[in-house]
């Protein structure tokens, strides 16, 4: 399970990637170590087609029996949408951190896109409780040695399809199995300072020698 992400995207390049404008400058305040329970950027479709809202929401549900839901499996998305308490959303990120065997005392690795300014992660937004979760999928061969699961990442085309209610969830999921090549990703070891969620500065994403 992914438990740490980063967003430091520039406003202009993020707007260009998704094809819309927003006046909410604070959305683009950089955060290099977003933890569960903190605010994360969210892209939502408004009722009127092709109108979008860029906002922030809490990442993860409230603790239930000391467990917090941060993600939902790709196969379980439809079940989570059936009660209409959740809607599909996009989490615009700059990347996410992984650890070997989820060992938070070990060395973290930062995963980002090489050829895209934004990592558009499929998510679900629970409107009543005002929180979001990621949609998870099986990791590609590059990430699998460290983590069996990774976020479901979409390109520009499928990002807008994902938040457009006129497209069926199952149809989109069936189409997005091979959107990216392994060469589209960068996986680099970074500082153990990431392990402390109180740390938040650009140094955290700088690669360190193996």
C-alpha atoms as a PDB file:
ATOM      1  CA  UNK A   1       0.000   0.000   0.000  1.00  0.00           C
ATOM      2  CA  UNK A   2       1.295   3.459  -0.927  1.00  0.00           C
ATOM      3  CA  UNK A   3       1.492   5.605   2.205  1.00  0.00           C
ATOM      4  CA  UNK A   4       3.511   8.626   1.135  1.00  0.00           C
ATOM      5  CA  UNK A   5       3.256  10.868  -1.948  1.00  0.00           C
ATOM      6  CA  UNK A   6       4.466  14.245  -3.192  1.00  0.00           C
ATOM      7  CA  UNK A   7       2.993  17.098  -5.204  1.00  0.00           C
ATOM      8  CA  UNK A   8       5.111  19.998  -6.352  1.00  0.00           C
ATOM      9  CA  UNK A   9       3.677  20.570  -9.836  1.00  0.00           C
ATOM     10  CA  UNK A  10       3.711  23.976 -11.438  1.00  0.00           C
ATOM     11  CA  UNK A  11       0.345  25.624 -11.996  1.00  0.00           C
ATOM     12  CA  UNK A  12       0.843  26.319 -15.698  1.00  0.00           C
ATOM     13  CA  UNK A  13       2.028  22.831 -16.650  1.00  0.00           C
ATOM     14  CA  UNK A  14      -0.680  21.148 -14.588  1.00  0.00           C
ATOM     15  CA  UNK A  15      -3.373  23.286 -16.209  1.00  0.00           C
ATOM     16  CA  UNK A  16      -1.977  22.530 -19.648  1.00  0.00           C
ATOM     17  CA  UNK A  17      -1.838  18.788 -18.946  1.00  0.00           C
ATOM     18  CA  UNK A  18      -5.518  18.589 -17.984  1.00  0.00           C
ATOM     19  CA  UNK A  19      -6.675  21.384 -20.279  1.00  0.00           C
ATOM     20  CA  UNK A  20      -8.349  23.687 -17.777  1.00  0.00           C
ATOM     21  CA  UNK A  21      -7.631  26.747 -15.651  1.00  0.00           C
ATOM     22  CA  UNK A  22      -8.042  27.329 -11.929  1.00  0.00           C
ATOM     23  CA  UNK A  23      -7.715  30.419  -9.770  1.00  0.00           C
ATOM     24  CA  UNK A  24      -6.903  28.434  -6.631  1.00  0.00           C
ATOM     25  CA  UNK A  25      -3.226  29.230  -6.263  1.00  0.00           C
ATOM     26  CA  UNK A  26      -2.892  27.499  -2.872  1.00  0.00           C
ATOM     27  CA  UNK A  27      -3.520  24.131  -4.521  1.00  0.00           C
ATOM     28  CA  UNK A  28      -0.006  24.385  -5.930  1.00  0.00           C
ATOM     29  CA  UNK A  29       1.806  24.919  -2.651  1.00  0.00           C
ATOM     30  CA  UNK A  30       4.514  22.238  -2.904  1.00  0.00           C
ATOM     31  CA  UNK A  31       4.480  19.331  -0.473  1.00  0.00           C
ATOM     32  CA  UNK A  32       7.227  16.724  -0.728  1.00  0.00           C
ATOM     33  CA  UNK A  33       6.002  14.272   1.897  1.00  0.00           C
ATOM     34  CA  UNK A  34       2.208  13.978   2.045  1.00  0.00           C
ATOM     35  CA  UNK A  35       1.064  11.438   4.632  1.00  0.00           C
ATOM     36  CA  UNK A  36      -2.298   9.788   5.310  1.00  0.00           C
ATOM     37  CA  UNK A  37      -4.701  12.227   6.934  1.00  0.00           C
ATOM     38  CA  UNK A  38      -3.156  15.252   5.214  1.00  0.00           C
ATOM     39  CA  UNK A  39      -4.674  17.234   2.363  1.00  0.00           C
ATOM     40  CA  UNK A  40      -3.972  16.027  -1.155  1.00  0.00           C
ATOM     41  CA  UNK A  41      -4.834  17.690  -4.513  1.00  0.00           C
ATOM     42  CA  UNK A  42      -8.041  16.446  -6.137  1.00  0.00           C
ATOM     43  CA  UNK A  43      -9.539  17.016  -9.585  1.00  0.00           C
ATOM     44  CA  UNK A  44     -13.321  16.607  -9.804  1.00  0.00           C
ATOM     45  CA  UNK A  45     -15.815  17.001 -12.616  1.00  0.00           C
ATOM     46  CA  UNK A  46     -18.725  19.327 -12.003  1.00  0.00           C
ATOM     47  CA  UNK A  47     -22.233  18.357 -13.044  1.00  0.00           C
ATOM     48  CA  UNK A  48     -21.864  20.379 -16.219  1.00  0.00           C
ATOM     49  CA  UNK A  49     -19.703  18.440 -18.659  1.00  0.00           C
ATOM     50  CA  UNK A  50     -16.140  19.661 -19.264  1.00  0.00           C
ATOM     51  CA  UNK A  51     -16.134  21.866 -16.174  1.00  0.00           C
ATOM     52  CA  UNK A  52     -13.731  20.849 -13.464  1.00  0.00           C
ATOM     53  CA  UNK A  53     -12.883  21.729  -9.900  1.00  0.00           C
ATOM     54  CA  UNK A  54      -9.376  21.591  -8.497  1.00  0.00           C
ATOM     55  CA  UNK A  55      -9.476  21.306  -4.717  1.00  0.00           C
ATOM     56  CA  UNK A  56      -7.931  19.444  -1.795  1.00  0.00           C
ATOM     57  CA  UNK A  57      -9.307  16.718   0.434  1.00  0.00           C
ATOM     58  CA  UNK A  58      -8.083  14.476   3.222  1.00  0.00           C
ATOM     59  CA  UNK A  59      -6.196  11.418   2.035  1.00  0.00           C
ATOM     60  CA  UNK A  60      -7.681   8.392   3.740  1.00  0.00           C
ATOM     61  CA  UNK A  61     -10.766   7.598   5.762  1.00  0.00           C
ATOM     62  CA  UNK A  62     -11.199   8.213   9.446  1.00  0.00           C
ATOM     63  CA  UNK A  63      -9.678   5.382  11.512  1.00  0.00           C
ATOM     64  CA  UNK A  64     -12.057   2.471  11.962  1.00  0.00           C
ATOM     65  CA  UNK A  65     -10.823  -0.139  14.429  1.00  0.00           C
ATOM     66  CA  UNK A  66      -7.436   1.588  14.083  1.00  0.00           C
ATOM     67  CA  UNK A  67      -7.439   0.996  10.307  1.00  0.00           C
ATOM     68  CA  UNK A  68      -7.461   3.739   7.688  1.00  0.00           C
ATOM     69  CA  UNK A  69      -8.480   3.109   4.091  1.00  0.00           C
ATOM     70  CA  UNK A  70      -5.962   4.716   1.713  1.00  0.00           C
ATOM     71  CA  UNK A  71      -6.704   2.798  -1.466  1.00  0.00           C
ATOM     72  CA  UNK A  72      -9.202   0.484  -3.080  1.00  0.00           C
ATOM     73  CA  UNK A  73      -8.467  -2.365  -5.457  1.00  0.00           C
ATOM     74  CA  UNK A  74      -9.240  -1.920  -9.119  1.00  0.00           C
ATOM     75  CA  UNK A  75     -11.764  -4.771  -8.972  1.00  0.00           C
ATOM     76  CA  UNK A  76     -13.614  -3.179  -6.047  1.00  0.00           C
ATOM     77  CA  UNK A  77     -14.150   0.270  -7.538  1.00  0.00           C
ATOM     78  CA  UNK A  78     -17.657  -0.441  -8.812  1.00  0.00           C
ATOM     79  CA  UNK A  79     -18.747  -1.744  -5.397  1.00  0.00           C
ATOM     80  CA  UNK A  80     -17.523   1.469  -3.771  1.00  0.00           C
ATOM     81  CA  UNK A  81     -19.462   3.574  -6.267  1.00  0.00           C
ATOM     82  CA  UNK A  82     -22.755   1.699  -6.023  1.00  0.00           C
ATOM     83  CA  UNK A  83     -24.031   3.477  -2.929  1.00  0.00           C
ATOM     84  CA  UNK A  84     -23.335   6.829  -4.628  1.00  0.00           C
ATOM     85  CA  UNK A  85     -21.412   8.120  -1.628  1.00  0.00           C
ATOM     86  CA  UNK A  86     -18.263   8.187  -3.764  1.00  0.00           C
ATOM     87  CA  UNK A  87     -17.455   9.645  -7.165  1.00  0.00           C
ATOM     88  CA  UNK A  88     -14.489   9.090  -9.423  1.00  0.00           C
ATOM     89  CA  UNK A  89     -11.730  11.686  -9.135  1.00  0.00           C
ATOM     90  CA  UNK A  90      -8.131  12.267 -10.163  1.00  0.00           C
ATOM     91  CA  UNK A  91      -5.279  12.809  -7.720  1.00  0.00           C
ATOM     92  CA  UNK A  92      -2.674  14.951  -9.541  1.00  0.00           C
ATOM     93  CA  UNK A  93       0.659  13.982  -8.002  1.00  0.00           C
ATOM     94  CA  UNK A  94       4.338  14.435  -8.723  1.00  0.00           C
ATOM     95  CA  UNK A  95       5.181  10.943  -7.534  1.00  0.00           C
ATOM     96  CA  UNK A  96       5.018   8.447  -4.700  1.00  0.00           C
ATOM     97  CA  UNK A  97       7.421   6.723  -2.317  1.00  0.00           C
ATOM     98  CA  UNK A  98       7.915   3.002  -1.859  1.00  0.00           C
ATOM     99  CA  UNK A  99      10.009   0.916   0.506  1.00  0.00           C
ATOM    100  CA  UNK A 100      11.257  -2.638   0.098  1.00  0.00           C
ATOM    101  CA  UNK A 101       8.659  -4.851   1.803  1.00  0.00           C
ATOM    102  CA  UNK A 102       7.069  -1.661   3.178  1.00  0.00           C
ATOM    103  CA  UNK A 103       9.927  -1.329   5.674  1.00  0.00           C
ATOM    104  CA  UNK A 104       9.676   2.289   6.817  1.00  0.00           C
ATOM    105  CA  UNK A 105      13.066   2.017   8.532  1.00  0.00           C
ATOM    106  CA  UNK A 106      14.773   1.181   5.254  1.00  0.00           C
ATOM    107  CA  UNK A 107      15.706   3.308   2.264  1.00  0.00           C
ATOM    108  CA  UNK A 108      12.775   4.840   0.371  1.00  0.00           C
ATOM    109  CA  UNK A 109      12.509   5.109  -3.400  1.00  0.00           C
ATOM    110  CA  UNK A 110      10.738   7.904  -5.255  1.00  0.00           C
ATOM    111  CA  UNK A 111       8.693   6.973  -8.325  1.00  0.00           C
ATOM    112  CA  UNK A 112       7.848   9.668 -10.844  1.00  0.00           C
ATOM    113  CA  UNK A 113       6.969  10.024 -14.536  1.00  0.00           C
ATOM    114  CA  UNK A 114       9.839  10.821 -16.878  1.00  0.00           C
ATOM    115  CA  UNK A 115       7.906  12.361 -19.755  1.00  0.00           C
ATOM    116  CA  UNK A 116       4.832  13.822 -18.057  1.00  0.00           C
ATOM    117  CA  UNK A 117       4.659  16.801 -15.674  1.00  0.00           C
ATOM    118  CA  UNK A 118       1.890  15.164 -13.647  1.00  0.00           C
ATOM    119  CA  UNK A 119       1.201  11.665 -12.376  1.00  0.00           C
ATOM    120  CA  UNK A 120      -2.579  11.435 -12.739  1.00  0.00           C
ATOM    121  CA  UNK A 121      -3.763   8.796 -10.270  1.00  0.00           C
ATOM    122  CA  UNK A 122      -7.294   7.399 -10.412  1.00  0.00           C
ATOM    123  CA  UNK A 123      -9.124   7.950  -7.148  1.00  0.00           C
ATOM    124  CA  UNK A 124     -12.471   7.938  -5.394  1.00  0.00           C
ATOM    125  CA  UNK A 125     -13.831  10.956  -3.533  1.00  0.00           C
ATOM    126  CA  UNK A 126     -16.243  10.334  -0.666  1.00  0.00           C
ATOM    127  CA  UNK A 127     -18.295  13.491  -0.669  1.00  0.00           C
ATOM    128  CA  UNK A 128     -20.039  13.256   2.679  1.00  0.00           C
ATOM    129  CA  UNK A 129     -16.872  12.560   4.668  1.00  0.00           C
ATOM    130  CA  UNK A 130     -14.669  14.714   2.381  1.00  0.00           C
ATOM    131  CA  UNK A 131     -11.841  12.248   1.878  1.00  0.00           C
ATOM    132  CA  UNK A 132     -10.197  10.470  -1.044  1.00  0.00           C
ATOM    133  CA  UNK A 133      -8.559   7.112  -1.678  1.00  0.00           C
ATOM    134  CA  UNK A 134      -6.400   5.915  -4.543  1.00  0.00           C
ATOM    135  CA  UNK A 135      -7.300   3.135  -6.919  1.00  0.00           C
ATOM    136  CA  UNK A 136      -4.583   0.487  -6.718  1.00  0.00           C
ATOM    137  CA  UNK A 137      -3.497  -2.009  -9.331  1.00  0.00           C
ATOM    138  CA  UNK A 138      -0.846  -4.701  -9.665  1.00  0.00           C
ATOM    139  CA  UNK A 139       2.625  -3.212  -9.894  1.00  0.00           C
ATOM    140  CA  UNK A 140       4.515  -3.230 -13.149  1.00  0.00           C
ATOM    141  CA  UNK A 141       7.788  -5.229 -13.340  1.00  0.00           C
ATOM    142  CA  UNK A 142       9.827  -2.141 -12.437  1.00  0.00           C
ATOM    143  CA  UNK A 143       8.068  -1.571  -9.119  1.00  0.00           C
ATOM    144  CA  UNK A 144       6.985  -5.112  -8.259  1.00  0.00           C
ATOM    145  CA  UNK A 145      10.294  -6.126  -6.600  1.00  0.00           C
ATOM    146  CA  UNK A 146       9.551  -3.545  -3.898  1.00  0.00           C
ATOM    147  CA  UNK A 147       5.762  -3.329  -3.859  1.00  0.00           C
ATOM    148  CA  UNK A 148       3.064  -5.655  -5.182  1.00  0.00           C
ATOM    149  CA  UNK A 149       0.661  -2.748  -5.639  1.00  0.00           C
ATOM    150  CA  UNK A 150       0.949   0.694  -7.194  1.00  0.00           C
ATOM    151  CA  UNK A 151      -1.480   3.522  -7.975  1.00  0.00           C
ATOM    152  CA  UNK A 152      -3.570   3.226 -11.132  1.00  0.00           C
ATOM    153  CA  UNK A 153      -2.016   5.933 -13.324  1.00  0.00           C
ATOM    154  CA  UNK A 154      -3.884   7.496 -16.232  1.00  0.00           C
ATOM    155  CA  UNK A 155      -2.821   9.652 -19.169  1.00  0.00           C
ATOM    156  CA  UNK A 156      -4.489  12.912 -20.219  1.00  0.00           C
ATOM    157  CA  UNK A 157      -7.187  11.209 -22.286  1.00  0.00           C
ATOM    158  CA  UNK A 158      -8.228   8.678 -19.690  1.00  0.00           C
ATOM    159  CA  UNK A 159      -7.964  11.148 -16.818  1.00  0.00           C
ATOM    160  CA  UNK A 160     -10.841  13.142 -18.272  1.00  0.00           C
ATOM    161  CA  UNK A 161     -12.750   9.966 -19.104  1.00  0.00           C
ATOM    162  CA  UNK A 162     -12.295   8.761 -15.527  1.00  0.00           C
ATOM    163  CA  UNK A 163     -13.985  11.816 -14.018  1.00  0.00           C
ATOM    164  CA  UNK A 164     -16.647  12.034 -16.732  1.00  0.00           C
ATOM    165  CA  UNK A 165     -19.722  10.239 -15.355  1.00  0.00           C
ATOM    166  CA  UNK A 166     -20.947   9.404 -18.877  1.00  0.00           C
ATOM    167  CA  UNK A 167     -18.188   6.795 -19.216  1.00  0.00           C
ATOM    168  CA  UNK A 168     -18.739   3.486 -17.438  1.00  0.00           C
ATOM    169  CA  UNK A 169     -16.148   2.513 -14.839  1.00  0.00           C
ATOM    170  CA  UNK A 170     -15.731  -1.046 -16.106  1.00  0.00           C
ATOM    171  CA  UNK A 171     -15.225   0.125 -19.692  1.00  0.00           C
ATOM    172  CA  UNK A 172     -12.443   2.503 -18.673  1.00  0.00           C
ATOM    173  CA  UNK A 173     -10.667  -0.058 -16.493  1.00  0.00           C
ATOM    174  CA  UNK A 174     -10.773  -2.597 -19.326  1.00  0.00           C
ATOM    175  CA  UNK A 175      -9.029  -0.111 -21.627  1.00  0.00           C
ATOM    176  CA  UNK A 176      -6.188   1.114 -19.411  1.00  0.00           C
ATOM    177  CA  UNK A 177      -3.990  -1.908 -18.876  1.00  0.00           C
ATOM    178  CA  UNK A 178      -1.022  -0.691 -20.952  1.00  0.00           C
ATOM    179  CA  UNK A 179      -1.006   3.094 -21.017  1.00  0.00           C
ATOM    180  CA  UNK A 180       2.680   3.449 -20.082  1.00  0.00           C
ATOM    181  CA  UNK A 181       5.961   1.699 -20.789  1.00  0.00           C
ATOM    182  CA  UNK A 182       8.499   0.870 -18.101  1.00  0.00           C
ATOM    183  CA  UNK A 183      10.716   3.545 -19.628  1.00  0.00           C
ATOM    184  CA  UNK A 184       8.067   6.148 -18.735  1.00  0.00           C
ATOM    185  CA  UNK A 185       8.945   5.766 -15.044  1.00  0.00           C
ATOM    186  CA  UNK A 186      11.881   6.781 -12.885  1.00  0.00           C
ATOM    187  CA  UNK A 187      12.576   4.883  -9.644  1.00  0.00           C
ATOM    188  CA  UNK A 188      15.405   6.378  -7.593  1.00  0.00           C
ATOM    189  CA  UNK A 189      16.598   5.835  -4.053  1.00  0.00           C
ATOM    190  CA  UNK A 190      16.193   8.948  -1.902  1.00  0.00           C
ATOM    191  CA  UNK A 191      16.996  10.109   1.603  1.00  0.00           C
ATOM    192  CA  UNK A 192      15.761   8.274   4.696  1.00  0.00           C
ATOM    193  CA  UNK A 193      14.540  11.664   5.880  1.00  0.00           C
ATOM    194  CA  UNK A 194      11.338  10.755   4.023  1.00  0.00           C
ATOM    195  CA  UNK A 195      10.705   8.184   6.762  1.00  0.00           C
ATOM    196  CA  UNK A 196       9.850  11.031   9.146  1.00  0.00           C
ATOM    197  CA  UNK A 197       6.510  12.478   7.960  1.00  0.00           C
ATOM    198  CA  UNK A 198       7.399  15.787   9.621  1.00  0.00           C
ATOM    199  CA  UNK A 199      10.109  16.405   7.027  1.00  0.00           C
ATOM    200  CA  UNK A 200       8.990  18.363   3.986  1.00  0.00           C
ATOM    201  CA  UNK A 201      11.525  19.948   1.648  1.00  0.00           C
ATOM    202  CA  UNK A 202      12.874  19.478  -1.906  1.00  0.00           C
ATOM    203  CA  UNK A 203      15.882  17.544  -0.611  1.00  0.00           C
ATOM    204  CA  UNK A 204      13.612  14.548  -0.013  1.00  0.00           C
ATOM    205  CA  UNK A 205      13.231  13.766  -3.725  1.00  0.00           C
ATOM    206  CA  UNK A 206      16.904  14.156  -4.636  1.00  0.00           C
ATOM    207  CA  UNK A 207      18.493  10.830  -5.676  1.00  0.00           C
ATOM    208  CA  UNK A 208      21.323   9.505  -3.546  1.00  0.00           C
ATOM    209  CA  UNK A 209      24.085   7.106  -4.633  1.00  0.00           C
ATOM    210  CA  UNK A 210      23.339   3.412  -4.340  1.00  0.00           C
END
